[in-house]
Amino acid sequence: MAAPTISLLYLSYPEMEEPRCAGDGTPMERGGATGGPPAAADNCAVTDDETRDPAEAIRAAALSAGWSHGHRDVSGGWLRPTVFGAVDGLVTNASLIAGVGGGGVSPHAIVLTGAAALVAGAFSMGTGEYVSVTNQNELVHSEVALERKMLARFPDAEEAELAGYFRSYGADPETAARMATAVSQDPHTALRLHTREELGVDPDDLPSPLLAGAASLLAFSLGALIPLLPYLFGLAELAVSLGITAVALITGGALVGKLTGRPLVFSGLRQLGLGALAIGVTYAVGSLIGGHAS
């Protein structure tokens, strides 16, 4: 019986045998553990890009080039009430101090007025923000409950609606229908997608009323305290109070600009201009009324 031709060929010419590699990509010797020289390393080496998932390879390349997917908080959970509270406290109390100071009252009356405005304004801002966010969340929950009811009663219509959303994003009708069917298998996912598209909110990522209220209360207190500092430390000069307020307005505006990605100088000067307008009008009114009263 004749021996197989291929086996004889490999026995006679071992250099023609395909190089074999171990499971970890390292070269193995031809003919097993003892026979022949090792296979070329270049034929066995497996690059990271060949073994890595294509999506991971793309992500790694993008990260090395400076890609980032981190975003600032845009839900209004803490940034809006903090910024609004600090600016409101600063401008409100500075304007109040300028108004009563322009009217010619004593430093003690200015301190009393400013302290009362700080406490009253802080609690007003905190409770107002808490109630506002709570009411907004309650409205969202009510609309989500309505959408949940529609999903339960009219699943086919809601699935068709999902397919329409996917088509509007560029999917062909067949792909959109398959995607809608797949999403509709999980009621929670379907509900989240419907509420995002129809209400513009994520029911699982609503702002906290407590966080918003506390942030607003503390921020207003800190902002309102700044114009009072000269008077509390014995430097009862309106010009000094307004100067500190101007620096605080520029600094606060620049910090907000950094958070929002806007030019720092523009943001600082914009905040100064708006605050100066309120303070100037209040000072003029206080001077007018104080002059007539005297």
C-alpha atoms as a PDB file:
ATOM      1  CA  MET A   1       0.000   0.000   0.000  1.00  0.00           C
ATOM      2  CA  ALA A   2       1.520   3.308  -1.045  1.00  0.00           C
ATOM      3  CA  ALA A   3       2.179   5.892   1.638  1.00  0.00           C
ATOM      4  CA  PRO A   4       0.267   9.177   1.365  1.00  0.00           C
ATOM      5  CA  THR A   5       2.074  11.535  -0.963  1.00  0.00           C
ATOM      6  CA  ILE A   6       1.607  14.620   1.179  1.00  0.00           C
ATOM      7  CA  SER A   7       3.056  12.948   4.292  1.00  0.00           C
ATOM      8  CA  LEU A   8       6.103  11.777   2.321  1.00  0.00           C
ATOM      9  CA  LEU A   9       6.537  15.235   0.880  1.00  0.00           C
ATOM     10  CA  TYR A  10       6.566  16.783   4.357  1.00  0.00           C
ATOM     11  CA  LEU A  11       8.966  14.140   5.624  1.00  0.00           C
ATOM     12  CA  SER A  12      11.360  14.712   2.747  1.00  0.00           C
ATOM     13  CA  TYR A  13      11.098  18.498   2.831  1.00  0.00           C
ATOM     14  CA  PRO A  14      10.278  19.626   6.391  1.00  0.00           C
ATOM     15  CA  GLU A  15      10.948  23.269   5.516  1.00  0.00           C
ATOM     16  CA  MET A  16       7.751  23.188   3.442  1.00  0.00           C
ATOM     17  CA  GLU A  17       5.614  22.361   6.477  1.00  0.00           C
ATOM     18  CA  GLU A  18       3.363  25.184   7.677  1.00  0.00           C
ATOM     19  CA  PRO A  19       4.724  26.806  10.871  1.00  0.00           C
ATOM     20  CA  ARG A  20       2.641  25.953  13.883  1.00  0.00           C
ATOM     21  CA  CYS A  21       1.912  28.268  16.787  1.00  0.00           C
ATOM     22  CA  ALA A  22       0.950  27.644  20.369  1.00  0.00           C
ATOM     23  CA  GLY A  23      -2.344  28.927  21.714  1.00  0.00           C
ATOM     24  CA  ASP A  24      -0.668  32.024  23.187  1.00  0.00           C
ATOM     25  CA  GLY A  25       0.835  33.001  19.844  1.00  0.00           C
ATOM     26  CA  THR A  26       4.397  31.766  20.534  1.00  0.00           C
ATOM     27  CA  PRO A  27       6.111  29.747  17.770  1.00  0.00           C
ATOM     28  CA  MET A  28       6.368  25.951  18.100  1.00  0.00           C
ATOM     29  CA  GLU A  29       9.106  23.804  16.615  1.00  0.00           C
ATOM     30  CA  ARG A  30       8.335  21.993  13.376  1.00  0.00           C
ATOM     31  CA  GLY A  31       7.658  18.348  13.734  1.00  0.00           C
ATOM     32  CA  GLY A  32       6.585  18.602  17.368  1.00  0.00           C
ATOM     33  CA  ALA A  33       8.647  19.400  20.436  1.00  0.00           C
ATOM     34  CA  THR A  34      12.009  18.172  19.118  1.00  0.00           C
ATOM     35  CA  GLY A  35      12.082  18.259  15.370  1.00  0.00           C
ATOM     36  CA  GLY A  36      13.248  21.151  13.196  1.00  0.00           C
ATOM     37  CA  PRO A  37      13.789  24.830  13.766  1.00  0.00           C
ATOM     38  CA  PRO A  38      11.078  26.966  15.376  1.00  0.00           C
ATOM     39  CA  ALA A  39       8.482  28.635  13.226  1.00  0.00           C
ATOM     40  CA  ALA A  40       9.065  32.280  12.372  1.00  0.00           C
ATOM     41  CA  ALA A  41       7.866  34.557  15.173  1.00  0.00           C
ATOM     42  CA  ASP A  42       6.393  37.000  12.664  1.00  0.00           C
ATOM     43  CA  ASN A  43       3.964  34.337  11.496  1.00  0.00           C
ATOM     44  CA  CYS A  44       2.795  33.560  15.022  1.00  0.00           C
ATOM     45  CA  ALA A  45       2.690  37.004  16.586  1.00  0.00           C
ATOM     46  CA  VAL A  46      -0.859  38.232  17.064  1.00  0.00           C
ATOM     47  CA  THR A  47      -1.274  41.968  17.480  1.00  0.00           C
ATOM     48  CA  ASP A  48      -3.560  43.575  20.014  1.00  0.00           C
ATOM     49  CA  ASP A  49      -5.692  45.005  17.222  1.00  0.00           C
ATOM     50  CA  GLU A  50      -6.300  41.473  15.838  1.00  0.00           C
ATOM     51  CA  THR A  51      -7.472  40.020  19.140  1.00  0.00           C
ATOM     52  CA  ARG A  52      -9.309  43.060  20.493  1.00  0.00           C
ATOM     53  CA  ASP A  53     -12.954  43.737  19.767  1.00  0.00           C
ATOM     54  CA  PRO A  54     -13.161  46.273  16.875  1.00  0.00           C
ATOM     55  CA  ALA A  55     -15.264  48.669  18.953  1.00  0.00           C
ATOM     56  CA  GLU A  56     -12.684  48.570  21.736  1.00  0.00           C
ATOM     57  CA  ALA A  57      -9.885  49.213  19.244  1.00  0.00           C
ATOM     58  CA  ILE A  58     -11.725  52.253  17.884  1.00  0.00           C
ATOM     59  CA  ARG A  59     -12.382  53.517  21.401  1.00  0.00           C
ATOM     60  CA  ALA A  60      -8.741  53.096  22.424  1.00  0.00           C
ATOM     61  CA  ALA A  61      -7.525  54.938  19.330  1.00  0.00           C
ATOM     62  CA  ALA A  62      -9.991  57.777  19.936  1.00  0.00           C
ATOM     63  CA  LEU A  63      -8.992  58.066  23.603  1.00  0.00           C
ATOM     64  CA  SER A  64      -5.324  58.295  22.652  1.00  0.00           C
ATOM     65  CA  ALA A  65      -6.208  61.102  20.246  1.00  0.00           C
ATOM     66  CA  GLY A  66      -8.003  63.095  22.959  1.00  0.00           C
ATOM     67  CA  TRP A  67     -11.589  61.842  22.626  1.00  0.00           C
ATOM     68  CA  SER A  68     -13.701  62.245  25.731  1.00  0.00           C
ATOM     69  CA  HIS A  69     -17.315  61.391  26.445  1.00  0.00           C
ATOM     70  CA  GLY A  70     -17.603  63.041  29.847  1.00  0.00           C
ATOM     71  CA  HIS A  71     -20.272  65.708  30.101  1.00  0.00           C
ATOM     72  CA  ARG A  72     -21.215  68.320  32.639  1.00  0.00           C
ATOM     73  CA  ASP A  73     -24.453  68.069  34.585  1.00  0.00           C
ATOM     74  CA  VAL A  74     -27.181  69.583  32.439  1.00  0.00           C
ATOM     75  CA  SER A  75     -30.167  68.171  34.299  1.00  0.00           C
ATOM     76  CA  GLY A  76     -30.420  71.151  36.649  1.00  0.00           C
ATOM     77  CA  GLY A  77     -29.797  69.048  39.731  1.00  0.00           C
ATOM     78  CA  TRP A  78     -27.327  71.367  41.451  1.00  0.00           C
ATOM     79  CA  LEU A  79     -25.725  73.815  38.993  1.00  0.00           C
ATOM     80  CA  ARG A  80     -28.761  75.934  38.227  1.00  0.00           C
ATOM     81  CA  PRO A  81     -29.971  76.453  41.832  1.00  0.00           C
ATOM     82  CA  THR A  82     -26.399  77.017  43.058  1.00  0.00           C
ATOM     83  CA  VAL A  83     -25.536  79.626  40.444  1.00  0.00           C
ATOM     84  CA  PHE A  84     -28.945  81.261  40.617  1.00  0.00           C
ATOM     85  CA  GLY A  85     -28.916  81.310  44.420  1.00  0.00           C
ATOM     86  CA  ALA A  86     -25.411  82.782  44.728  1.00  0.00           C
ATOM     87  CA  VAL A  87     -25.981  85.482  42.134  1.00  0.00           C
ATOM     88  CA  ASP A  88     -29.420  86.288  43.530  1.00  0.00           C
ATOM     89  CA  GLY A  89     -28.082  86.604  47.078  1.00  0.00           C
ATOM     90  CA  LEU A  90     -25.156  88.755  46.003  1.00  0.00           C
ATOM     91  CA  VAL A  91     -27.109  91.130  43.781  1.00  0.00           C
ATOM     92  CA  THR A  92     -30.160  91.304  46.054  1.00  0.00           C
ATOM     93  CA  ASN A  93     -28.292  92.174  49.219  1.00  0.00           C
ATOM     94  CA  ALA A  94     -25.802  94.468  47.495  1.00  0.00           C
ATOM     95  CA  SER A  95     -28.706  96.344  45.902  1.00  0.00           C
ATOM     96  CA  LEU A  96     -30.540  96.501  49.219  1.00  0.00           C
ATOM     97  CA  ILE A  97     -27.474  97.808  51.029  1.00  0.00           C
ATOM     98  CA  ALA A  98     -26.872 100.351  48.257  1.00  0.00           C
ATOM     99  CA  GLY A  99     -30.492 101.469  48.424  1.00  0.00           C
ATOM    100  CA  VAL A 100     -30.644 102.018  52.182  1.00  0.00           C
ATOM    101  CA  GLY A 101     -27.080 103.332  52.203  1.00  0.00           C
ATOM    102  CA  GLY A 102     -27.987 105.853  49.523  1.00  0.00           C
ATOM    103  CA  GLY A 103     -30.915 106.910  51.671  1.00  0.00           C
ATOM    104  CA  GLY A 104     -28.489 107.951  54.416  1.00  0.00           C
ATOM    105  CA  VAL A 105     -29.336 105.428  57.155  1.00  0.00           C
ATOM    106  CA  SER A 106     -26.854 104.455  59.881  1.00  0.00           C
ATOM    107  CA  PRO A 107     -24.410 101.539  59.513  1.00  0.00           C
ATOM    108  CA  HIS A 108     -26.310  99.678  62.223  1.00  0.00           C
ATOM    109  CA  ALA A 109     -29.521  99.936  60.179  1.00  0.00           C
ATOM    110  CA  ILE A 110     -27.643  98.683  57.104  1.00  0.00           C
ATOM    111  CA  VAL A 111     -26.354  95.629  59.007  1.00  0.00           C
ATOM    112  CA  LEU A 112     -29.819  94.913  60.404  1.00  0.00           C
ATOM    113  CA  THR A 113     -31.425  95.255  56.984  1.00  0.00           C
ATOM    114  CA  GLY A 114     -28.770  93.121  55.263  1.00  0.00           C
ATOM    115  CA  ALA A 115     -28.892  90.361  57.873  1.00  0.00           C
ATOM    116  CA  ALA A 116     -32.683  90.200  57.743  1.00  0.00           C
ATOM    117  CA  ALA A 117     -32.583  90.061  53.948  1.00  0.00           C
ATOM    118  CA  LEU A 118     -29.990  87.255  54.071  1.00  0.00           C
ATOM    119  CA  VAL A 119     -32.062  85.022  56.327  1.00  0.00           C
ATOM    120  CA  ALA A 120     -35.392  85.744  54.676  1.00  0.00           C
ATOM    121  CA  GLY A 121     -34.034  85.423  51.159  1.00  0.00           C
ATOM    122  CA  ALA A 122     -32.144  82.204  51.860  1.00  0.00           C
ATOM    123  CA  PHE A 123     -35.181  80.405  53.228  1.00  0.00           C
ATOM    124  CA  SER A 124     -37.386  81.838  50.513  1.00  0.00           C
ATOM    125  CA  MET A 125     -35.010  80.620  47.819  1.00  0.00           C
ATOM    126  CA  GLY A 126     -34.515  77.201  49.416  1.00  0.00           C
ATOM    127  CA  THR A 127     -38.186  76.443  49.954  1.00  0.00           C
ATOM    128  CA  GLY A 128     -39.141  77.897  46.586  1.00  0.00           C
ATOM    129  CA  GLU A 129     -36.595  75.735  44.768  1.00  0.00           C
ATOM    130  CA  TYR A 130     -37.679  72.637  46.702  1.00  0.00           C
ATOM    131  CA  VAL A 131     -41.352  73.187  45.891  1.00  0.00           C
ATOM    132  CA  SER A 132     -40.572  74.013  42.250  1.00  0.00           C
ATOM    133  CA  VAL A 133     -38.506  70.867  41.629  1.00  0.00           C
ATOM    134  CA  THR A 134     -40.994  68.712  43.565  1.00  0.00           C
ATOM    135  CA  ASN A 135     -43.899  69.976  41.471  1.00  0.00           C
ATOM    136  CA  GLN A 136     -41.928  69.443  38.274  1.00  0.00           C
ATOM    137  CA  ASN A 137     -41.066  65.875  39.248  1.00  0.00           C
ATOM    138  CA  GLU A 138     -44.673  65.156  40.208  1.00  0.00           C
ATOM    139  CA  LEU A 139     -45.788  66.357  36.793  1.00  0.00           C
ATOM    140  CA  VAL A 140     -43.215  64.104  35.119  1.00  0.00           C
ATOM    141  CA  HIS A 141     -44.338  61.104  37.200  1.00  0.00           C
ATOM    142  CA  SER A 142     -47.949  61.787  36.241  1.00  0.00           C
ATOM    143  CA  GLU A 143     -47.100  61.857  32.542  1.00  0.00           C
ATOM    144  CA  VAL A 144     -44.947  58.735  32.866  1.00  0.00           C
ATOM    145  CA  ALA A 145     -47.875  56.930  34.508  1.00  0.00           C
ATOM    146  CA  LEU A 146     -50.057  57.927  31.565  1.00  0.00           C
ATOM    147  CA  GLU A 147     -47.456  56.616  29.115  1.00  0.00           C
ATOM    148  CA  ARG A 148     -47.199  53.354  31.062  1.00  0.00           C
ATOM    149  CA  LYS A 149     -50.963  52.944  30.802  1.00  0.00           C
ATOM    150  CA  MET A 150     -50.866  53.536  27.042  1.00  0.00           C
ATOM    151  CA  LEU A 151     -48.093  50.945  26.668  1.00  0.00           C
ATOM    152  CA  ALA A 152     -50.199  48.377  28.513  1.00  0.00           C
ATOM    153  CA  ARG A 153     -53.438  49.077  26.614  1.00  0.00           C
ATOM    154  CA  PHE A 154     -52.101  49.719  23.097  1.00  0.00           C
ATOM    155  CA  PRO A 155     -48.789  47.856  22.760  1.00  0.00           C
ATOM    156  CA  ASP A 156     -48.998  47.592  18.956  1.00  0.00           C
ATOM    157  CA  ALA A 157     -49.612  51.302  18.511  1.00  0.00           C
ATOM    158  CA  GLU A 158     -46.781  52.162  20.889  1.00  0.00           C
ATOM    159  CA  GLU A 159     -44.430  49.771  19.071  1.00  0.00           C
ATOM    160  CA  ALA A 160     -45.331  51.406  15.763  1.00  0.00           C
ATOM    161  CA  GLU A 161     -44.599  54.756  17.348  1.00  0.00           C
ATOM    162  CA  LEU A 162     -41.159  53.492  18.396  1.00  0.00           C
ATOM    163  CA  ALA A 163     -40.481  52.346  14.848  1.00  0.00           C
ATOM    164  CA  GLY A 164     -41.340  55.856  13.679  1.00  0.00           C
ATOM    165  CA  TYR A 165     -38.774  57.328  16.057  1.00  0.00           C
ATOM    166  CA  PHE A 166     -36.092  54.992  14.736  1.00  0.00           C
ATOM    167  CA  ARG A 167     -36.981  55.848  11.132  1.00  0.00           C
ATOM    168  CA  SER A 168     -36.649  59.534  11.959  1.00  0.00           C
ATOM    169  CA  TYR A 169     -33.089  58.808  13.121  1.00  0.00           C
ATOM    170  CA  GLY A 170     -32.215  57.294   9.740  1.00  0.00           C
ATOM    171  CA  ALA A 171     -33.034  53.579  10.098  1.00  0.00           C
ATOM    172  CA  ASP A 172     -34.718  51.877   7.155  1.00  0.00           C
ATOM    173  CA  PRO A 173     -38.284  50.637   7.786  1.00  0.00           C
ATOM    174  CA  GLU A 174     -37.286  46.987   8.235  1.00  0.00           C
ATOM    175  CA  THR A 175     -34.489  47.762  10.676  1.00  0.00           C
ATOM    176  CA  ALA A 176     -36.684  50.252  12.546  1.00  0.00           C
ATOM    177  CA  ALA A 177     -39.419  47.632  12.939  1.00  0.00           C
ATOM    178  CA  ARG A 178     -36.944  45.053  14.300  1.00  0.00           C
ATOM    179  CA  MET A 179     -35.493  47.577  16.712  1.00  0.00           C
ATOM    180  CA  ALA A 180     -38.943  48.579  17.947  1.00  0.00           C
ATOM    181  CA  THR A 181     -39.878  44.927  18.475  1.00  0.00           C
ATOM    182  CA  ALA A 182     -36.674  44.265  20.399  1.00  0.00           C
ATOM    183  CA  VAL A 183     -37.094  47.322  22.626  1.00  0.00           C
ATOM    184  CA  SER A 184     -40.745  46.550  23.295  1.00  0.00           C
ATOM    185  CA  GLN A 185     -39.780  43.185  24.802  1.00  0.00           C
ATOM    186  CA  ASP A 186     -38.642  45.069  27.905  1.00  0.00           C
ATOM    187  CA  PRO A 187     -41.475  47.340  29.155  1.00  0.00           C
ATOM    188  CA  HIS A 188     -39.135  49.418  31.317  1.00  0.00           C
ATOM    189  CA  THR A 189     -36.784  50.185  28.434  1.00  0.00           C
ATOM    190  CA  ALA A 190     -39.703  50.958  26.150  1.00  0.00           C
ATOM    191  CA  LEU A 191     -41.164  53.316  28.745  1.00  0.00           C
ATOM    192  CA  ARG A 192     -37.854  55.160  29.159  1.00  0.00           C
ATOM    193  CA  LEU A 193     -37.492  55.599  25.419  1.00  0.00           C
ATOM    194  CA  HIS A 194     -41.061  56.844  24.985  1.00  0.00           C
ATOM    195  CA  THR A 195     -40.719  59.385  27.805  1.00  0.00           C
ATOM    196  CA  ARG A 196     -37.397  60.629  26.465  1.00  0.00           C
ATOM    197  CA  GLU A 197     -38.863  61.161  23.024  1.00  0.00           C
ATOM    198  CA  GLU A 198     -42.233  62.579  24.099  1.00  0.00           C
ATOM    199  CA  LEU A 199     -41.393  64.420  27.331  1.00  0.00           C
ATOM    200  CA  GLY A 200     -37.709  65.135  26.833  1.00  0.00           C
ATOM    201  CA  VAL A 201     -36.797  63.699  30.250  1.00  0.00           C
ATOM    202  CA  ASP A 202     -35.420  60.495  31.703  1.00  0.00           C
ATOM    203  CA  PRO A 203     -37.765  59.292  34.471  1.00  0.00           C
ATOM    204  CA  ASP A 204     -34.816  57.521  36.130  1.00  0.00           C
ATOM    205  CA  ASP A 205     -32.681  60.679  36.241  1.00  0.00           C
ATOM    206  CA  LEU A 206     -34.805  63.455  37.706  1.00  0.00           C
ATOM    207  CA  PRO A 207     -33.300  66.234  39.854  1.00  0.00           C
ATOM    208  CA  SER A 208     -33.495  65.903  43.631  1.00  0.00           C
ATOM    209  CA  PRO A 209     -35.748  68.489  45.343  1.00  0.00           C
ATOM    210  CA  LEU A 210     -33.702  68.271  48.564  1.00  0.00           C
ATOM    211  CA  LEU A 211     -30.430  68.809  46.717  1.00  0.00           C
ATOM    212  CA  ALA A 212     -31.835  71.710  44.734  1.00  0.00           C
ATOM    213  CA  GLY A 213     -33.379  73.365  47.802  1.00  0.00           C
ATOM    214  CA  ALA A 214     -30.284  72.977  49.990  1.00  0.00           C
ATOM    215  CA  ALA A 215     -27.979  74.197  47.208  1.00  0.00           C
ATOM    216  CA  SER A 216     -30.140  77.254  46.635  1.00  0.00           C
ATOM    217  CA  LEU A 217     -30.392  78.092  50.354  1.00  0.00           C
ATOM    218  CA  LEU A 218     -26.647  77.807  50.997  1.00  0.00           C
ATOM    219  CA  ALA A 219     -25.658  79.589  47.807  1.00  0.00           C
ATOM    220  CA  PHE A 220     -27.987  82.526  48.501  1.00  0.00           C
ATOM    221  CA  SER A 221     -26.628  82.817  52.045  1.00  0.00           C
ATOM    222  CA  LEU A 222     -23.023  82.929  50.869  1.00  0.00           C
ATOM    223  CA  GLY A 223     -23.805  85.407  48.117  1.00  0.00           C
ATOM    224  CA  ALA A 224     -25.801  87.697  50.412  1.00  0.00           C
ATOM    225  CA  LEU A 225     -23.065  87.646  53.052  1.00  0.00           C
ATOM    226  CA  ILE A 226     -20.400  89.181  50.794  1.00  0.00           C
ATOM    227  CA  PRO A 227     -21.744  92.779  50.688  1.00  0.00           C
ATOM    228  CA  LEU A 228     -22.221  92.672  54.473  1.00  0.00           C
ATOM    229  CA  LEU A 229     -18.635  91.707  55.307  1.00  0.00           C
ATOM    230  CA  PRO A 230     -17.155  95.245  55.504  1.00  0.00           C
ATOM    231  CA  TYR A 231     -19.884  96.337  57.898  1.00  0.00           C
ATOM    232  CA  LEU A 232     -19.520  93.221  60.039  1.00  0.00           C
ATOM    233  CA  PHE A 233     -15.768  93.845  60.384  1.00  0.00           C
ATOM    234  CA  GLY A 234     -16.146  97.517  61.277  1.00  0.00           C
ATOM    235  CA  LEU A 235     -15.419  99.043  57.857  1.00  0.00           C
ATOM    236  CA  ALA A 236     -18.751 100.755  57.394  1.00  0.00           C
ATOM    237  CA  GLU A 237     -18.178 102.216  53.944  1.00  0.00           C
ATOM    238  CA  LEU A 238     -20.649 101.700  51.117  1.00  0.00           C
ATOM    239  CA  ALA A 239     -17.899 102.101  48.506  1.00  0.00           C
ATOM    240  CA  VAL A 240     -15.917  99.223  50.044  1.00  0.00           C
ATOM    241  CA  SER A 241     -18.989  96.991  50.104  1.00  0.00           C
ATOM    242  CA  LEU A 242     -19.759  97.746  46.466  1.00  0.00           C
ATOM    243  CA  GLY A 243     -16.120  97.185  45.472  1.00  0.00           C
ATOM    244  CA  ILE A 244     -16.098  93.729  47.076  1.00  0.00           C
ATOM    245  CA  THR A 245     -19.393  93.016  45.391  1.00  0.00           C
ATOM    246  CA  ALA A 246     -17.956  93.965  41.986  1.00  0.00           C
ATOM    247  CA  VAL A 247     -15.007  91.599  42.463  1.00  0.00           C
ATOM    248  CA  ALA A 248     -17.369  88.826  43.542  1.00  0.00           C
ATOM    249  CA  LEU A 249     -19.597  89.368  40.510  1.00  0.00           C
ATOM    250  CA  ILE A 250     -16.661  89.150  38.108  1.00  0.00           C
ATOM    251  CA  THR A 251     -15.241  86.084  39.870  1.00  0.00           C
ATOM    252  CA  GLY A 252     -18.600  84.336  40.004  1.00  0.00           C
ATOM    253  CA  GLY A 253     -19.299  85.076  36.357  1.00  0.00           C
ATOM    254  CA  ALA A 254     -15.873  83.749  35.348  1.00  0.00           C
ATOM    255  CA  LEU A 255     -16.432  80.539  37.350  1.00  0.00           C
ATOM    256  CA  VAL A 256     -19.778  80.012  35.648  1.00  0.00           C
ATOM    257  CA  GLY A 257     -18.088  80.631  32.311  1.00  0.00           C
ATOM    258  CA  LYS A 258     -15.552  77.930  33.111  1.00  0.00           C
ATOM    259  CA  LEU A 259     -18.313  75.473  34.004  1.00  0.00           C
ATOM    260  CA  THR A 260     -20.303  76.239  30.869  1.00  0.00           C
ATOM    261  CA  GLY A 261     -17.341  76.519  28.506  1.00  0.00           C
ATOM    262  CA  ARG A 262     -17.892  80.219  27.784  1.00  0.00           C
ATOM    263  CA  PRO A 263     -15.086  82.838  27.658  1.00  0.00           C
ATOM    264  CA  LEU A 264     -14.137  83.760  31.227  1.00  0.00           C
ATOM    265  CA  VAL A 265     -13.725  87.500  30.629  1.00  0.00           C
ATOM    266  CA  PHE A 266     -17.013  87.783  28.778  1.00  0.00           C
ATOM    267  CA  SER A 267     -18.894  85.842  31.461  1.00  0.00           C
ATOM    268  CA  GLY A 268     -17.357  87.881  34.278  1.00  0.00           C
ATOM    269  CA  LEU A 269     -18.042  91.252  32.649  1.00  0.00           C
ATOM    270  CA  ARG A 270     -21.575  90.229  31.728  1.00  0.00           C
ATOM    271  CA  GLN A 271     -22.301  89.344  35.341  1.00  0.00           C
ATOM    272  CA  LEU A 272     -20.761  92.615  36.517  1.00  0.00           C
ATOM    273  CA  GLY A 273     -22.833  94.641  34.076  1.00  0.00           C
ATOM    274  CA  LEU A 274     -26.132  93.049  35.072  1.00  0.00           C
ATOM    275  CA  GLY A 275     -25.374  93.356  38.784  1.00  0.00           C
ATOM    276  CA  ALA A 276     -24.231  96.964  38.427  1.00  0.00           C
ATOM    277  CA  LEU A 277     -27.483  97.833  36.685  1.00  0.00           C
ATOM    278  CA  ALA A 278     -29.594  96.483  39.560  1.00  0.00           C
ATOM    279  CA  ILE A 279     -27.394  98.106  42.221  1.00  0.00           C
ATOM    280  CA  GLY A 280     -27.324 101.445  40.397  1.00  0.00           C
ATOM    281  CA  VAL A 281     -31.103 101.629  40.030  1.00  0.00           C
ATOM    282  CA  THR A 282     -31.661 100.700  43.685  1.00  0.00           C
ATOM    283  CA  TYR A 283     -29.097 103.235  44.879  1.00  0.00           C
ATOM    284  CA  ALA A 284     -30.786 105.968  42.809  1.00  0.00           C
ATOM    285  CA  VAL A 285     -34.192 105.116  44.237  1.00  0.00           C
ATOM    286  CA  GLY A 286     -32.825 105.049  47.792  1.00  0.00           C
ATOM    287  CA  SER A 287     -31.073 108.383  47.350  1.00  0.00           C
ATOM    288  CA  LEU A 288     -34.179 109.952  45.886  1.00  0.00           C
ATOM    289  CA  ILE A 289     -36.464 108.748  48.666  1.00  0.00           C
ATOM    290  CA  GLY A 290     -33.908 109.504  51.384  1.00  0.00           C
ATOM    291  CA  GLY A 291     -33.340 113.008  50.067  1.00  0.00           C
ATOM    292  CA  HIS A 292     -37.065 113.808  50.056  1.00  0.00           C
ATOM    293  CA  ALA A 293     -37.517 112.289  53.526  1.00  0.00           C
ATOM    294  CA  SER A 294     -34.818 114.521  54.987  1.00  0.00           C
END
